[in-house]
C-alpha atoms as a PDB file:
ATOM      1  CA  GLY A   1      -8.811 -49.028 -23.949  1.00  0.00           C
ATOM      2  CA  ALA A   2      -7.954 -52.458 -25.189  1.00  0.00           C
ATOM      3  CA  ALA A   3      -8.805 -53.503 -28.737  1.00  0.00           C
ATOM      4  CA  LEU A   4     -12.195 -55.127 -29.196  1.00  0.00           C
ATOM      5  CA  THR A   5     -11.381 -58.432 -30.849  1.00  0.00           C
ATOM      6  CA  THR A   6     -14.575 -60.461 -30.687  1.00  0.00           C
ATOM      7  CA  PRO A   7     -18.112 -59.820 -31.929  1.00  0.00           C
ATOM      8  CA  ASP A   8     -19.375 -59.777 -28.331  1.00  0.00           C
ATOM      9  CA  GLN A   9     -16.772 -57.178 -27.342  1.00  0.00           C
ATOM     10  CA  VAL A  10     -17.676 -55.028 -30.334  1.00  0.00           C
ATOM     11  CA  GLN A  11     -21.397 -55.228 -29.496  1.00  0.00           C
ATOM     12  CA  ALA A  12     -20.666 -54.295 -25.885  1.00  0.00           C
ATOM     13  CA  GLY A  13     -18.517 -51.374 -27.071  1.00  0.00           C
ATOM     14  CA  LEU A  14     -21.247 -50.122 -29.378  1.00  0.00           C
ATOM     15  CA  ALA A  15     -23.867 -50.449 -26.633  1.00  0.00           C
ATOM     16  CA  GLY A  16     -21.637 -48.509 -24.241  1.00  0.00           C
ATOM     17  CA  THR A  17     -21.097 -45.769 -26.798  1.00  0.00           C
ATOM     18  CA  ARG A  18     -24.834 -45.514 -27.470  1.00  0.00           C
ATOM     19  CA  ALA A  19     -25.527 -45.266 -23.745  1.00  0.00           C
ATOM     20  CA  PHE A  20     -22.856 -42.577 -23.312  1.00  0.00           C
ATOM     21  CA  ILE A  21     -24.229 -40.463 -26.161  1.00  0.00           C
ATOM     22  CA  ALA A  22     -27.791 -40.855 -24.885  1.00  0.00           C
ATOM     23  CA  ASP A  23     -26.703 -39.826 -21.374  1.00  0.00           C
ATOM     24  CA  VAL A  24     -24.871 -36.736 -22.674  1.00  0.00           C
ATOM     25  CA  TYR A  25     -27.865 -35.764 -24.802  1.00  0.00           C
ATOM     26  CA  GLU A  26     -30.434 -36.204 -22.027  1.00  0.00           C
ATOM     27  CA  ASN A  27     -28.359 -34.206 -19.538  1.00  0.00           C
ATOM     28  CA  VAL A  28     -27.708 -31.383 -21.998  1.00  0.00           C
ATOM     29  CA  LYS A  29     -31.344 -31.345 -23.126  1.00  0.00           C
ATOM     30  CA  ALA A  30     -32.514 -31.048 -19.511  1.00  0.00           C
ATOM     31  CA  GLY A  31     -30.111 -28.191 -18.839  1.00  0.00           C
ATOM     32  CA  VAL A  32     -31.145 -26.292 -21.951  1.00  0.00           C
ATOM     33  CA  ALA A  33     -34.819 -26.795 -21.061  1.00  0.00           C
ATOM     34  CA  ALA A  34     -34.066 -25.335 -17.620  1.00  0.00           C
ATOM     35  CA  GLY A  35     -32.504 -22.262 -19.275  1.00  0.00           C
ATOM     36  CA  GLU A  36     -28.951 -23.049 -18.202  1.00  0.00           C
ATOM     37  CA  ASP A  37     -25.951 -21.633 -20.051  1.00  0.00           C
ATOM     38  CA  LEU A  38     -23.239 -23.839 -21.541  1.00  0.00           C
ATOM     39  CA  ASN A  39     -20.966 -23.630 -18.505  1.00  0.00           C
ATOM     40  CA  THR A  40     -23.736 -24.691 -16.117  1.00  0.00           C
ATOM     41  CA  VAL A  41     -24.871 -27.464 -18.464  1.00  0.00           C
ATOM     42  CA  TYR A  42     -21.288 -28.710 -18.744  1.00  0.00           C
ATOM     43  CA  ARG A  43     -20.667 -28.794 -14.991  1.00  0.00           C
ATOM     44  CA  ARG A  44     -23.984 -30.533 -14.258  1.00  0.00           C
ATOM     45  CA  THR A  45     -23.565 -33.032 -17.102  1.00  0.00           C
ATOM     46  CA  TYR A  46     -20.017 -33.839 -16.035  1.00  0.00           C
ATOM     47  CA  ALA A  47     -21.096 -34.372 -12.421  1.00  0.00           C
ATOM     48  CA  ALA A  48     -24.001 -36.583 -13.470  1.00  0.00           C
ATOM     49  CA  MET A  49     -21.907 -38.725 -15.807  1.00  0.00           C
ATOM     50  CA  ALA A  50     -18.628 -39.037 -13.906  1.00  0.00           C
ATOM     51  CA  PRO A  51     -19.777 -41.819 -11.564  1.00  0.00           C
ATOM     52  CA  LYS A  52     -20.595 -44.061 -14.533  1.00  0.00           C
ATOM     53  CA  TYR A  53     -17.988 -43.023 -17.124  1.00  0.00           C
ATOM     54  CA  LYS A  54     -15.000 -41.440 -15.302  1.00  0.00           C
ATOM     55  CA  GLY A  55     -12.994 -44.623 -15.795  1.00  0.00           C
ATOM     56  CA  TRP A  56     -13.298 -44.377 -19.574  1.00  0.00           C
ATOM     57  CA  VAL A  57     -10.125 -43.444 -21.419  1.00  0.00           C
ATOM     58  CA  ILE A  58      -9.927 -39.654 -21.978  1.00  0.00           C
ATOM     59  CA  PHE A  59     -13.333 -39.020 -20.380  1.00  0.00           C
ATOM     60  CA  ASP A  60     -12.077 -35.808 -18.773  1.00  0.00           C
ATOM     61  CA  HIS A  61     -10.498 -34.583 -21.995  1.00  0.00           C
ATOM     62  CA  CYS A  62     -13.492 -35.300 -24.247  1.00  0.00           C
ATOM     63  CA  MET A  63     -16.359 -34.088 -22.073  1.00  0.00           C
ATOM     64  CA  PRO A  64     -15.946 -30.372 -22.872  1.00  0.00           C
ATOM     65  CA  PHE A  65     -16.033 -31.169 -26.603  1.00  0.00           C
ATOM     66  CA  ASP A  66     -18.913 -33.624 -26.264  1.00  0.00           C
ATOM     67  CA  VAL A  67     -21.074 -31.305 -24.182  1.00  0.00           C
ATOM     68  CA  THR A  68     -20.313 -28.251 -26.321  1.00  0.00           C
ATOM     69  CA  ARG A  69     -21.231 -30.051 -29.545  1.00  0.00           C
ATOM     70  CA  CYS A  70     -24.368 -31.513 -27.989  1.00  0.00           C
ATOM     71  CA  PHE A  71     -25.331 -28.066 -26.644  1.00  0.00           C
ATOM     72  CA  ASP A  72     -25.112 -26.734 -30.216  1.00  0.00           C
ATOM     73  CA  GLU A  73     -27.376 -29.538 -31.434  1.00  0.00           C
ATOM     74  CA  VAL A  74     -29.926 -29.189 -28.649  1.00  0.00           C
ATOM     75  CA  THR A  75     -30.116 -25.409 -29.061  1.00  0.00           C
ATOM     76  CA  GLN A  76     -30.407 -25.932 -32.826  1.00  0.00           C
ATOM     77  CA  TYR A  77     -27.360 -23.821 -33.580  1.00  0.00           C
ATOM     78  CA  PRO A  78     -27.916 -23.064 -37.287  1.00  0.00           C
ATOM     79  CA  ASP A  79     -24.594 -24.385 -38.589  1.00  0.00           C
ATOM     80  CA  PRO A  80     -22.120 -26.753 -36.996  1.00  0.00           C
ATOM     81  CA  ARG A  81     -19.201 -24.678 -35.790  1.00  0.00           C
ATOM     82  CA  ILE A  82     -15.782 -25.606 -37.095  1.00  0.00           C
ATOM     83  CA  TRP A  83     -13.285 -26.633 -34.446  1.00  0.00           C
ATOM     84  CA  THR A  84     -10.257 -24.397 -34.738  1.00  0.00           C
ATOM     85  CA  ALA A  85      -7.295 -24.015 -32.434  1.00  0.00           C
ATOM     86  CA  GLU A  86      -8.742 -20.678 -31.298  1.00  0.00           C
ATOM     87  CA  ARG A  87     -12.175 -22.151 -30.591  1.00  0.00           C
ATOM     88  CA  ASP A  88     -10.516 -24.984 -28.717  1.00  0.00           C
ATOM     89  CA  ARG A  89      -8.662 -22.515 -26.459  1.00  0.00           C
ATOM     90  CA  GLN A  90     -11.827 -20.455 -25.904  1.00  0.00           C
ATOM     91  CA  MET A  91     -13.874 -23.522 -25.007  1.00  0.00           C
ATOM     92  CA  TRP A  92     -11.263 -24.787 -22.546  1.00  0.00           C
ATOM     93  CA  ALA A  93     -10.978 -21.355 -20.937  1.00  0.00           C
ATOM     94  CA  ALA A  94     -14.758 -21.104 -20.611  1.00  0.00           C
ATOM     95  CA  LEU A  95     -15.377 -24.602 -19.257  1.00  0.00           C
ATOM     96  CA  GLU A  96     -12.191 -25.666 -17.497  1.00  0.00           C
ATOM     97  CA  SER A  97     -10.974 -22.502 -15.790  1.00  0.00           C
END
């Protein structure tokens, strides 16, 4: 998107980012609590968030990464997994095929 050049624009950008992260987290948390796997959590989270955020730059591209990382956090994955080219391909195949 366009550069944020005023304090008000920056505050609005930060508020939007906070809301986005909170929405991802709440959707993922609900899916994990319901016993859903990553693919199901991703599809439901994407569907729930698209009406509000689909117009954001690279929303479609970032959602698999965002949901996968959040899923790791919510399920208390013991160590953050390193993003490698191989993991990237596996994640895309699992969530976008």
